[in-house]
Amino acid sequence: MVVGDISTGTDVLVIGAGPGGYVAAIRAAQHGLDTTLVERDAYGGTCLNYGCIPSKALITGSDLAHEAGNAEHMGIHADPAVDMAAMSGWKDGVVDQLTGGVEKLCKANGVNLVEGEATFADETTVRVAHGGDGQGSESIEFEHAIVATGSQPIEIPGFEFTDEEVWSSRDALAADEIPDRLVVVGAGYIGMELATVFAKLGTDVTVVEMLDDALPMYESDVARVVRKRAKDLGIEFQFGEGASEWQESPDGGIQVVTETEDGVESTYAADKVLVAVGRRPVTEGVGLEAAGIETDENGFIPVDDRMRTNKDHVFAIGDVAGEPMLAHVASHEGIVASEVIAGEPAAMDAQAVPAAVFTDPEVATVGMTEAEAEADGFDPVVGEMPFRASGRALTADHTDGFVRIVADEETGLVLGGQIVGPEASELIAEVSLAVEMGATLEDVASTIHTHPTLAEAVMEAAENAQGQAIHTLNR
């Protein structure tokens, strides 16, 4: 024990106050368990501080600026000027409001909040260093622990995040100036969201991707809609190329060097380069080995359906526990872990997990695709509704994309859905509920939907799958 240490005890120790950790802590406290939540950086974790919330704030701001300046066909003439520092300040205010709310909610539920860096000392004790140098630290003994340390952006060779010219997603979201030229390395969801933001703010954006399409995790016709819109916004794509290094340029900017599999090199001028090639779990420095907690070859902590690690009294939730690395999954896992600790019969048994990408247009999916349904032994039937046939989409001036619903032809059970279009992130909730509740196509199609709304497209897709569509030709 270091001089100045104090020692305390708790029923449940949660390490990390992100969307998994703080939710787990509150639910544990609601069950009457003495709960301590340790956070080394900021309440709300990556999601509230450096990810979901700030990125959606900037997406809203860039959408507004772009639409205001491109609405002549609606009789609106404007030439908006963007004060990036002011927009960033507004974004920070949103973040502060939410993170402050997390702290208040934890305290109101009786969670003990401790600021510092937690490291396992053994299987039942962590040391929390408040100053980072071992001074002013404390030891906390626990009955149960929940590891919720999240993830962080992956660096690639030749692109150090400590270099001013190289941005991680966190750096891009903290920008208070708009670069004239930006190279984005990686066409996954983070890269595409931020490429869209800066393109709408007036930046010349080039996206470099080793694979042959954007959003490679989604079906090609879904990705195609997003890619076409991105090109309309002026975003240039360079597929089949990997970024190898960056160099200072005589013009005062930089050059990003790429290389194909065949060794063909290209260079792209930029002022900044954003590296968005994925995220890795934060397990270094946590002292997992001291607690006997195992990780896999990629650094993730394997868990069972109750979020238990190989140590029965230690749980892991959120990004550190592996895919899917989504904030809403982390929160759900946190509730499961805390209820298991409280003796409740909880387990991860979700029938489907929705996911959304906030590009233009948005992408959202849940459950099975048609190909996945076939591979799983179903005889799938598919219905679609294009947004160009939606009255509400036309009046909103956003008609790109479609709703697709996938069901089992024999029983009509809804198996999944894919939506690319306006408000897809909101609309997918209806399909998610259908999958979770075991609803059929008839259930969805016979539910009266408000007119005129985008949600009618989900109903129309279900009707289309039954060969009874009214506003589109049946498949």
Protein backbone atom coordinates (compact mmCIF):
# COMPACT_ATOMS: atom_id res chain seq x y z
CA MET A 1 0.00 0.00 0.00
CA VAL A 2 1.27 3.44 -0.96
CA VAL A 3 1.52 6.14 1.67
CA GLY A 4 -1.73 8.06 1.65
CA ASP A 5 -3.85 5.05 0.58
CA ILE A 6 -7.26 4.52 2.05
CA SER A 7 -9.17 1.25 1.76
CA THR A 8 -12.91 0.86 1.20
CA GLY A 9 -15.28 -1.91 0.18
CA THR A 10 -18.27 -2.24 -2.12
CA ASP A 11 -20.75 -4.86 -3.32
CA VAL A 12 -20.39 -3.94 -6.98
CA LEU A 13 -17.45 -2.13 -8.54
CA VAL A 14 -17.97 -0.78 -12.06
CA ILE A 15 -14.91 0.35 -14.02
CA GLY A 16 -15.86 2.86 -16.70
CA ALA A 17 -18.78 5.30 -16.81
CA GLY A 18 -19.75 4.96 -20.46
CA PRO A 19 -23.24 3.94 -21.66
CA GLY A 20 -22.63 0.43 -20.35
CA GLY A 21 -20.95 1.28 -17.08
CA TYR A 22 -23.19 4.04 -15.75
CA VAL A 23 -26.35 2.12 -16.68
CA ALA A 24 -24.99 -0.98 -14.94
CA ALA A 25 -24.13 1.05 -11.85
CA ILE A 26 -27.56 2.67 -11.63
CA ARG A 27 -29.38 -0.63 -12.08
CA ALA A 28 -27.18 -2.33 -9.44
CA ALA A 29 -27.90 0.50 -7.00
CA GLN A 30 -31.62 0.24 -7.78
CA HIS A 31 -31.40 -3.37 -6.58
CA GLY A 32 -30.08 -2.16 -3.23
CA LEU A 33 -26.47 -3.10 -3.85
CA ASP A 34 -23.71 -0.84 -2.58
CA THR A 35 -22.23 0.28 -5.89
CA THR A 36 -19.06 2.18 -6.77
CA LEU A 37 -18.42 3.59 -10.24
CA VAL A 38 -14.85 4.52 -11.18
CA GLU A 39 -14.15 6.79 -14.16
CA ARG A 40 -10.73 8.07 -15.19
CA ASP A 41 -11.79 10.58 -17.83
CA ALA A 42 -15.35 11.84 -18.27
CA TYR A 43 -18.78 10.57 -17.27
CA GLY A 44 -20.63 9.24 -20.29
CA GLY A 45 -17.55 7.62 -21.85
CA THR A 46 -16.78 7.71 -25.55
CA CYS A 47 -20.44 7.76 -26.58
CA LEU A 48 -21.41 10.99 -24.86
CA ASN A 49 -18.05 12.76 -25.00
CA TYR A 50 -16.21 11.69 -28.15
CA GLY A 51 -18.57 9.60 -30.26
CA CYS A 52 -22.32 9.24 -30.72
CA ILE A 53 -23.51 12.52 -29.25
CA PRO A 54 -20.93 15.02 -30.57
CA SER A 55 -20.99 13.41 -34.02
CA LYS A 56 -24.78 13.62 -34.22
CA ALA A 57 -24.66 17.24 -33.10
CA LEU A 58 -22.24 18.08 -35.92
CA ILE A 59 -24.33 16.06 -38.37
CA THR A 60 -27.34 18.17 -37.43
CA GLY A 61 -25.40 21.40 -37.81
CA SER A 62 -23.86 20.46 -41.15
CA ASP A 63 -27.23 19.21 -42.47
CA LEU A 64 -28.86 22.53 -41.60
CA ALA A 65 -26.10 24.56 -43.25
CA HIS A 66 -26.11 22.43 -46.38
CA GLU A 67 -29.87 22.31 -46.80
CA ALA A 68 -30.26 26.04 -46.25
CA GLY A 69 -27.77 26.71 -49.00
CA ASN A 70 -29.21 24.18 -51.43
CA ALA A 71 -32.94 24.81 -51.40
CA GLU A 72 -33.38 27.09 -54.41
CA HIS A 73 -35.72 24.52 -55.97
CA MET A 74 -38.03 25.12 -52.99
CA GLY A 75 -37.87 28.87 -53.44
CA ILE A 76 -35.39 29.39 -50.62
CA HIS A 77 -32.29 31.41 -51.40
CA ALA A 78 -29.57 31.56 -48.76
CA ASP A 79 -25.81 31.58 -48.50
CA PRO A 80 -25.16 30.37 -44.95
CA ALA A 81 -21.79 31.02 -43.33
CA VAL A 82 -20.60 28.48 -40.78
CA ASP A 83 -18.75 29.58 -37.66
CA MET A 84 -17.14 26.26 -36.79
CA ALA A 85 -15.96 27.44 -33.39
CA ALA A 86 -19.51 28.46 -32.50
CA MET A 87 -20.93 25.19 -33.81
CA SER A 88 -18.34 23.30 -31.79
CA GLY A 89 -19.31 25.33 -28.73
CA TRP A 90 -22.98 24.44 -29.19
CA LYS A 91 -21.99 20.78 -29.58
CA ASP A 92 -19.94 20.93 -26.39
CA GLY A 93 -22.94 22.39 -24.58
CA VAL A 94 -25.06 19.41 -25.62
CA VAL A 95 -22.33 17.06 -24.38
CA ASP A 96 -21.98 18.92 -21.07
CA GLN A 97 -25.72 18.77 -20.48
CA LEU A 98 -25.82 15.02 -21.01
CA THR A 99 -22.66 14.13 -19.08
CA GLY A 100 -23.78 16.33 -16.20
CA GLY A 101 -27.06 14.45 -16.27
CA VAL A 102 -25.25 11.12 -15.98
CA GLU A 103 -23.42 12.29 -12.87
CA LYS A 104 -26.64 13.56 -11.29
CA LEU A 105 -28.53 10.34 -12.10
CA CYS A 106 -25.78 8.21 -10.57
CA LYS A 107 -25.75 10.26 -7.38
CA ALA A 108 -29.55 10.32 -7.19
CA ASN A 109 -29.58 6.53 -7.35
CA GLY A 110 -26.99 6.23 -4.60
CA VAL A 111 -23.99 5.26 -6.75
CA ASN A 112 -20.64 6.13 -5.20
CA LEU A 113 -18.61 8.05 -7.80
CA VAL A 114 -14.84 7.83 -7.76
CA GLU A 115 -12.61 9.69 -10.21
CA GLY A 116 -9.34 8.01 -11.07
CA GLU A 117 -7.70 5.16 -12.94
CA ALA A 118 -8.62 1.69 -11.65
CA THR A 119 -6.22 -1.23 -11.88
CA PHE A 120 -6.89 -4.71 -10.55
CA ALA A 121 -4.48 -5.56 -7.74
CA ASP A 122 -5.85 -9.09 -7.31
CA GLU A 123 -9.12 -10.99 -7.83
CA THR A 124 -11.09 -8.90 -5.30
CA THR A 125 -9.28 -5.58 -5.11
CA VAL A 126 -8.60 -2.63 -7.38
CA ARG A 127 -6.36 0.32 -6.76
CA VAL A 128 -7.60 3.68 -7.95
CA ALA A 129 -4.90 6.24 -8.66
CA HIS A 130 -6.39 9.71 -8.43
CA GLY A 131 -3.30 11.56 -9.53
CA GLY A 132 -1.96 8.95 -11.91
CA ASP A 133 1.32 8.57 -10.01
CA GLY A 134 0.19 6.36 -7.16
CA GLN A 135 -0.16 9.21 -4.70
CA GLY A 136 -3.56 9.88 -3.26
CA SER A 137 -4.71 6.44 -4.38
CA GLU A 138 -7.22 4.18 -2.70
CA SER A 139 -7.89 0.47 -2.64
CA ILE A 140 -11.41 -0.83 -3.12
CA GLU A 141 -12.38 -4.38 -2.26
CA PHE A 142 -15.36 -5.73 -4.17
CA GLU A 143 -17.75 -8.65 -4.15
CA HIS A 144 -18.45 -8.30 -7.86
CA ALA A 145 -16.82 -6.21 -10.58
CA ILE A 146 -18.06 -5.08 -13.98
CA VAL A 147 -15.40 -4.12 -16.52
CA ALA A 148 -16.74 -1.46 -18.90
CA THR A 149 -13.59 0.20 -20.17
CA GLY A 150 -14.79 0.59 -23.77
CA SER A 151 -12.66 0.99 -26.86
CA GLN A 152 -10.41 3.50 -28.62
CA PRO A 153 -9.53 4.35 -32.25
CA ILE A 154 -6.98 2.15 -34.00
CA GLU A 155 -3.80 3.78 -35.25
CA ILE A 156 -2.14 2.54 -38.43
CA PRO A 157 1.58 2.61 -39.20
CA GLY A 158 2.77 5.97 -40.46
CA PHE A 159 -0.16 7.88 -38.97
CA GLU A 160 0.36 8.77 -35.32
CA PHE A 161 -2.53 10.49 -33.58
CA THR A 162 0.01 12.63 -31.74
CA ASP A 163 0.82 14.34 -35.07
CA GLU A 164 -1.17 17.54 -35.52
CA GLU A 165 -1.98 16.71 -39.14
CA VAL A 166 -3.43 13.29 -38.26
CA TRP A 167 -6.92 13.12 -36.80
CA SER A 168 -8.60 10.34 -34.90
CA SER A 169 -12.40 10.54 -34.86
CA ARG A 170 -12.08 12.23 -31.47
CA ASP A 171 -9.83 14.92 -32.96
CA ALA A 172 -12.21 15.50 -35.86
CA LEU A 173 -15.15 15.97 -33.50
CA ALA A 174 -13.17 18.53 -31.50
CA ALA A 175 -12.20 20.63 -34.55
CA ASP A 176 -12.97 24.33 -34.29
CA GLU A 177 -11.86 25.08 -37.85
CA ILE A 178 -13.03 23.60 -41.14
CA PRO A 179 -10.13 22.21 -43.22
CA ASP A 180 -10.12 23.06 -46.92
CA ARG A 181 -9.05 19.51 -47.83
CA LEU A 182 -9.51 16.29 -45.89
CA VAL A 183 -8.45 12.73 -46.67
CA VAL A 184 -10.45 10.11 -44.79
CA VAL A 185 -8.82 6.71 -44.42
CA GLY A 186 -11.55 4.11 -44.05
CA ALA A 187 -15.07 4.01 -45.54
CA GLY A 188 -16.77 2.34 -42.59
CA TYR A 189 -19.50 4.02 -40.60
CA ILE A 190 -17.26 6.47 -38.71
CA GLY A 191 -15.35 7.49 -41.82
CA MET A 192 -18.52 7.95 -43.88
CA GLU A 193 -20.35 9.93 -41.20
CA LEU A 194 -17.48 12.37 -40.74
CA ALA A 195 -16.74 12.57 -44.47
CA THR A 196 -20.35 13.64 -44.98
CA VAL A 197 -20.17 16.23 -42.19
CA PHE A 198 -17.10 17.97 -43.57
CA ALA A 199 -18.27 17.74 -47.19
CA LYS A 200 -21.45 19.57 -46.19
CA LEU A 201 -19.38 22.19 -44.39
CA GLY A 202 -17.46 22.90 -47.60
CA THR A 203 -14.37 20.71 -47.28
CA ASP A 204 -12.99 18.88 -50.32
CA VAL A 205 -13.11 15.27 -49.07
CA THR A 206 -11.34 12.22 -50.47
CA VAL A 207 -12.10 8.81 -48.95
CA VAL A 208 -9.44 6.11 -49.27
CA GLU A 209 -10.60 2.53 -48.69
CA MET A 210 -8.72 -0.74 -49.16
CA LEU A 211 -11.93 -2.61 -50.04
CA ASP A 212 -14.02 -1.98 -53.14
CA ASP A 213 -17.00 -0.16 -51.62
CA ALA A 214 -18.13 2.07 -48.79
CA LEU A 215 -19.95 0.60 -45.78
CA PRO A 216 -18.76 -2.92 -46.65
CA MET A 217 -20.70 -4.39 -43.74
CA TYR A 218 -24.01 -3.69 -45.50
CA GLU A 219 -25.69 -5.10 -48.60
CA SER A 220 -24.38 -3.60 -51.82
CA ASP A 221 -27.67 -1.95 -52.84
CA VAL A 222 -27.86 -0.27 -49.44
CA ALA A 223 -24.28 1.01 -49.64
CA ARG A 224 -24.87 2.13 -53.23
CA VAL A 225 -27.49 4.67 -52.15
CA VAL A 226 -25.11 6.22 -49.62
CA ARG A 227 -22.17 6.21 -52.00
CA LYS A 228 -24.17 7.92 -54.76
CA ARG A 229 -25.35 10.64 -52.41
CA ALA A 230 -21.80 11.13 -51.11
CA LYS A 231 -20.56 11.62 -54.66
CA ASP A 232 -23.35 14.14 -55.23
CA LEU A 233 -21.96 16.03 -52.23
CA GLY A 234 -18.56 16.09 -53.92
CA ILE A 235 -16.87 13.30 -51.96
CA GLU A 236 -14.30 11.43 -54.04
CA PHE A 237 -13.64 7.74 -53.43
CA GLN A 238 -10.42 5.87 -54.00
CA PHE A 239 -11.18 2.18 -53.51
CA GLY A 240 -8.62 -0.60 -53.47
CA GLU A 241 -5.98 1.64 -51.92
CA GLY A 242 -4.38 1.55 -48.49
CA ALA A 243 -2.79 4.58 -46.86
CA SER A 244 0.93 4.03 -46.27
CA GLU A 245 2.27 7.37 -45.02
CA TRP A 246 1.81 11.13 -45.05
CA GLN A 247 4.31 13.79 -46.02
CA GLU A 248 4.55 17.53 -45.66
CA SER A 249 3.79 19.32 -48.91
CA PRO A 250 5.58 22.38 -50.33
CA ASP A 251 2.21 24.19 -50.48
CA GLY A 252 1.94 24.07 -46.70
CA GLY A 253 -0.46 21.17 -46.54
CA ILE A 254 0.27 17.46 -46.59
CA GLN A 255 0.22 14.60 -49.05
CA VAL A 256 -1.27 11.24 -48.15
CA VAL A 257 0.45 8.37 -49.92
CA THR A 258 -1.57 5.28 -50.80
CA GLU A 259 -0.70 1.96 -52.34
CA THR A 260 -2.69 -0.73 -54.12
CA GLU A 261 -2.14 -4.47 -53.65
CA ASP A 262 -0.12 -4.35 -56.87
CA GLY A 263 2.20 -1.70 -55.43
CA VAL A 264 0.86 1.27 -57.41
CA GLU A 265 1.34 4.46 -55.40
CA SER A 266 -0.83 7.59 -55.46
CA THR A 267 -0.78 10.82 -53.48
CA TYR A 268 -3.67 13.01 -52.35
CA ALA A 269 -3.32 16.57 -51.15
CA ALA A 270 -4.91 17.48 -47.83
CA ASP A 271 -4.72 19.73 -44.82
CA LYS A 272 -5.71 16.94 -42.43
CA VAL A 273 -5.97 13.17 -42.65
CA LEU A 274 -8.63 11.39 -40.61
CA VAL A 275 -7.85 7.77 -39.79
CA ALA A 276 -11.07 5.84 -39.19
CA VAL A 277 -10.24 2.17 -39.63
CA GLY A 278 -11.90 0.77 -36.53
CA ARG A 279 -11.64 0.57 -32.78
CA ARG A 280 -9.89 -1.73 -30.34
CA PRO A 281 -10.79 -2.66 -26.76
CA VAL A 282 -9.26 -0.78 -23.85
CA THR A 283 -7.73 -3.51 -21.72
CA GLU A 284 -4.16 -2.31 -21.32
CA GLY A 285 -3.45 -0.85 -17.90
CA VAL A 286 -6.52 -2.39 -16.30
CA GLY A 287 -4.52 -5.17 -14.66
CA LEU A 288 -6.76 -7.94 -15.95
CA GLU A 289 -3.97 -10.46 -15.47
CA ALA A 290 -3.84 -9.71 -11.73
CA ALA A 291 -7.52 -10.66 -11.47
CA GLY A 292 -7.06 -13.71 -13.66
CA ILE A 293 -9.37 -12.36 -16.38
CA GLU A 294 -8.69 -13.81 -19.80
CA THR A 295 -8.76 -12.00 -23.15
CA ASP A 296 -8.91 -13.37 -26.68
CA GLU A 297 -6.37 -12.89 -29.46
CA ASN A 298 -7.85 -9.48 -30.31
CA GLY A 299 -7.83 -8.21 -26.74
CA PHE A 300 -11.57 -8.59 -26.10
CA ILE A 301 -12.83 -10.19 -22.89
CA PRO A 302 -14.91 -13.30 -23.67
CA VAL A 303 -18.21 -13.52 -21.75
CA ASP A 304 -21.19 -15.84 -21.52
CA ASP A 305 -24.82 -14.84 -22.07
CA ARG A 306 -24.91 -13.40 -18.54
CA MET A 307 -21.86 -11.23 -19.24
CA ARG A 308 -19.65 -13.30 -16.91
CA THR A 309 -15.94 -13.56 -17.68
CA ASN A 310 -13.93 -16.65 -16.87
CA LYS A 311 -14.13 -15.40 -13.26
CA ASP A 312 -17.68 -15.86 -11.99
CA HIS A 313 -17.65 -12.69 -9.90
CA VAL A 314 -16.26 -10.48 -12.67
CA PHE A 315 -18.37 -9.32 -15.62
CA ALA A 316 -17.50 -7.46 -18.82
CA ILE A 317 -19.87 -5.33 -20.90
CA GLY A 318 -19.84 -3.03 -23.88
CA ASP A 319 -17.07 -2.65 -26.47
CA VAL A 320 -14.49 -4.41 -24.28
CA ALA A 321 -16.65 -7.55 -24.48
CA GLY A 322 -16.58 -7.57 -28.29
CA GLU A 323 -19.04 -7.15 -31.16
CA PRO A 324 -21.45 -5.65 -31.70
CA MET A 325 -19.72 -2.51 -30.42
CA LEU A 326 -22.82 -0.35 -30.02
CA ALA A 327 -23.79 1.96 -27.18
CA HIS A 328 -27.32 0.56 -26.87
CA VAL A 329 -25.93 -2.96 -26.66
CA ALA A 330 -23.54 -1.86 -23.92
CA SER A 331 -26.43 -0.42 -21.91
CA HIS A 332 -28.46 -3.60 -22.28
CA GLU A 333 -25.48 -5.72 -21.29
CA GLY A 334 -24.96 -3.51 -18.25
CA ILE A 335 -28.52 -4.13 -17.11
CA VAL A 336 -28.10 -7.88 -17.62
CA ALA A 337 -24.85 -7.98 -15.63
CA SER A 338 -26.28 -6.01 -12.71
CA GLU A 339 -29.46 -8.06 -12.56
CA VAL A 340 -27.46 -11.30 -12.60
CA ILE A 341 -25.40 -9.95 -9.70
CA ALA A 342 -28.64 -9.06 -7.91
CA GLY A 343 -29.86 -12.63 -8.31
CA GLU A 344 -32.37 -11.96 -11.07
CA PRO A 345 -32.85 -14.51 -13.90
CA ALA A 346 -31.39 -12.18 -16.54
CA ALA A 347 -29.51 -13.08 -19.71
CA MET A 348 -28.79 -11.67 -23.14
CA ASP A 349 -31.63 -13.08 -25.21
CA ALA A 350 -32.42 -10.31 -27.71
CA GLN A 351 -33.86 -11.72 -30.92
CA ALA A 352 -32.19 -9.01 -32.94
CA VAL A 353 -30.00 -5.96 -32.40
CA PRO A 354 -30.62 -2.86 -34.51
CA ALA A 355 -27.75 -0.78 -35.85
CA ALA A 356 -27.70 2.60 -37.56
CA VAL A 357 -25.29 4.73 -39.56
CA PHE A 358 -26.00 8.46 -39.62
CA THR A 359 -24.83 9.17 -43.14
CA ASP A 360 -26.92 10.97 -45.78
CA PRO A 361 -29.18 9.14 -46.17
CA GLU A 362 -29.15 7.15 -42.97
CA VAL A 363 -28.78 3.38 -42.89
CA ALA A 364 -30.40 1.14 -40.31
CA THR A 365 -30.71 -2.61 -40.09
CA VAL A 366 -32.02 -5.26 -37.77
CA GLY A 367 -32.20 -9.04 -37.85
CA MET A 368 -31.57 -11.06 -40.97
CA THR A 369 -30.97 -10.08 -44.55
CA GLU A 370 -32.54 -12.21 -47.29
CA ALA A 371 -29.24 -14.06 -47.79
CA GLU A 372 -28.83 -14.67 -44.06
CA ALA A 373 -32.39 -15.98 -43.82
CA GLU A 374 -31.73 -18.43 -46.65
CA ALA A 375 -28.49 -19.54 -45.03
CA ASP A 376 -30.37 -20.13 -41.78
CA GLY A 377 -32.83 -22.49 -43.49
CA PHE A 378 -35.77 -20.13 -44.02
CA ASP A 379 -37.66 -19.66 -47.26
CA PRO A 380 -37.62 -15.85 -47.14
CA VAL A 381 -40.06 -13.49 -48.73
CA VAL A 382 -39.05 -9.85 -49.21
CA GLY A 383 -41.06 -6.66 -49.56
CA GLU A 384 -39.80 -3.19 -50.41
CA MET A 385 -41.09 0.34 -50.50
CA PRO A 386 -39.02 3.05 -52.21
CA PHE A 387 -39.09 6.44 -50.52
CA ARG A 388 -39.70 8.10 -53.90
CA ALA A 389 -43.24 6.68 -53.62
CA SER A 390 -43.76 8.09 -50.12
CA GLY A 391 -45.79 11.26 -49.87
CA ARG A 392 -44.03 12.28 -46.66
CA ALA A 393 -40.58 11.67 -48.15
CA LEU A 394 -41.51 13.85 -51.13
CA THR A 395 -42.74 16.65 -48.89
CA ALA A 396 -39.55 16.35 -46.81
CA ASP A 397 -37.50 16.56 -50.03
CA HIS A 398 -35.61 13.37 -49.14
CA THR A 399 -36.56 10.54 -51.47
CA ASP A 400 -33.35 8.48 -51.77
CA GLY A 401 -33.51 4.90 -50.52
CA PHE A 402 -36.03 2.28 -49.52
CA VAL A 403 -37.48 0.12 -46.76
CA ARG A 404 -36.97 -3.62 -47.07
CA ILE A 405 -38.61 -6.17 -44.83
CA VAL A 406 -37.62 -9.85 -44.73
CA ALA A 407 -40.00 -12.54 -43.47
CA ASP A 408 -40.46 -16.30 -43.45
CA GLU A 409 -42.81 -17.14 -46.33
CA GLU A 410 -44.40 -20.11 -44.55
CA THR A 411 -45.26 -18.40 -41.27
CA GLY A 412 -45.06 -14.73 -42.18
CA LEU A 413 -42.78 -14.06 -39.20
CA VAL A 414 -40.72 -10.92 -39.65
CA LEU A 415 -37.04 -11.89 -39.61
CA GLY A 416 -35.38 -8.56 -40.26
CA GLY A 417 -35.25 -5.36 -42.24
CA GLN A 418 -32.92 -2.95 -43.94
CA ILE A 419 -33.68 0.73 -44.36
CA VAL A 420 -31.67 3.32 -46.22
CA GLY A 421 -33.31 6.71 -46.36
CA PRO A 422 -34.58 9.62 -44.26
CA GLU A 423 -34.97 8.87 -40.54
CA ALA A 424 -33.91 5.26 -41.02
CA SER A 425 -32.44 5.25 -37.52
CA GLU A 426 -35.90 6.00 -36.12
CA LEU A 427 -37.92 3.81 -38.49
CA ILE A 428 -35.90 0.68 -37.74
CA ALA A 429 -37.44 0.61 -34.26
CA GLU A 430 -40.72 -0.59 -35.77
CA VAL A 431 -39.03 -3.50 -37.51
CA SER A 432 -36.99 -4.25 -34.39
CA LEU A 433 -40.15 -4.47 -32.30
CA ALA A 434 -41.73 -6.75 -34.90
CA VAL A 435 -38.77 -9.13 -34.78
CA GLU A 436 -38.55 -9.08 -30.98
CA MET A 437 -42.30 -9.64 -30.52
CA GLY A 438 -42.58 -12.35 -33.17
CA ALA A 439 -44.90 -10.24 -35.32
CA THR A 440 -45.94 -11.33 -38.81
CA LEU A 441 -46.17 -9.43 -42.06
CA GLU A 442 -49.94 -9.30 -41.57
CA ASP A 443 -49.45 -7.75 -38.11
CA VAL A 444 -47.34 -4.95 -39.58
CA ALA A 445 -49.43 -4.48 -42.71
CA SER A 446 -52.75 -4.39 -40.85
CA THR A 447 -51.54 -1.86 -38.25
CA ILE A 448 -52.99 1.56 -39.05
CA HIS A 449 -50.13 4.02 -39.60
CA THR A 450 -50.42 7.78 -39.40
CA HIS A 451 -50.60 9.57 -42.75
CA PRO A 452 -48.52 11.17 -44.09
CA THR A 453 -45.47 9.68 -42.35
CA LEU A 454 -42.30 7.91 -43.30
CA ALA A 455 -43.41 4.99 -41.13
CA GLU A 456 -46.05 4.19 -43.72
CA ALA A 457 -43.18 2.87 -45.83
CA VAL A 458 -42.68 0.02 -43.33
CA MET A 459 -46.36 -0.89 -43.62
CA GLU A 460 -46.17 -0.67 -47.41
CA ALA A 461 -43.08 -2.92 -47.48
CA ALA A 462 -44.97 -5.54 -45.45
CA GLU A 463 -47.89 -5.29 -47.86
CA ASN A 464 -45.49 -5.60 -50.77
CA ALA A 465 -44.08 -8.82 -49.30
CA GLN A 466 -47.64 -10.17 -49.25
CA GLY A 467 -48.29 -9.12 -52.83
CA GLN A 468 -50.85 -6.57 -51.64
CA ALA A 469 -49.05 -3.25 -52.00
CA ILE A 470 -51.28 -0.32 -52.88
CA HIS A 471 -48.82 2.45 -53.67
CA THR A 472 -46.10 0.44 -55.44
CA LEU A 473 -46.06 -2.40 -57.93
CA ASN A 474 -45.98 -5.77 -56.20
CA ARG A 475 -42.91 -7.94 -56.57
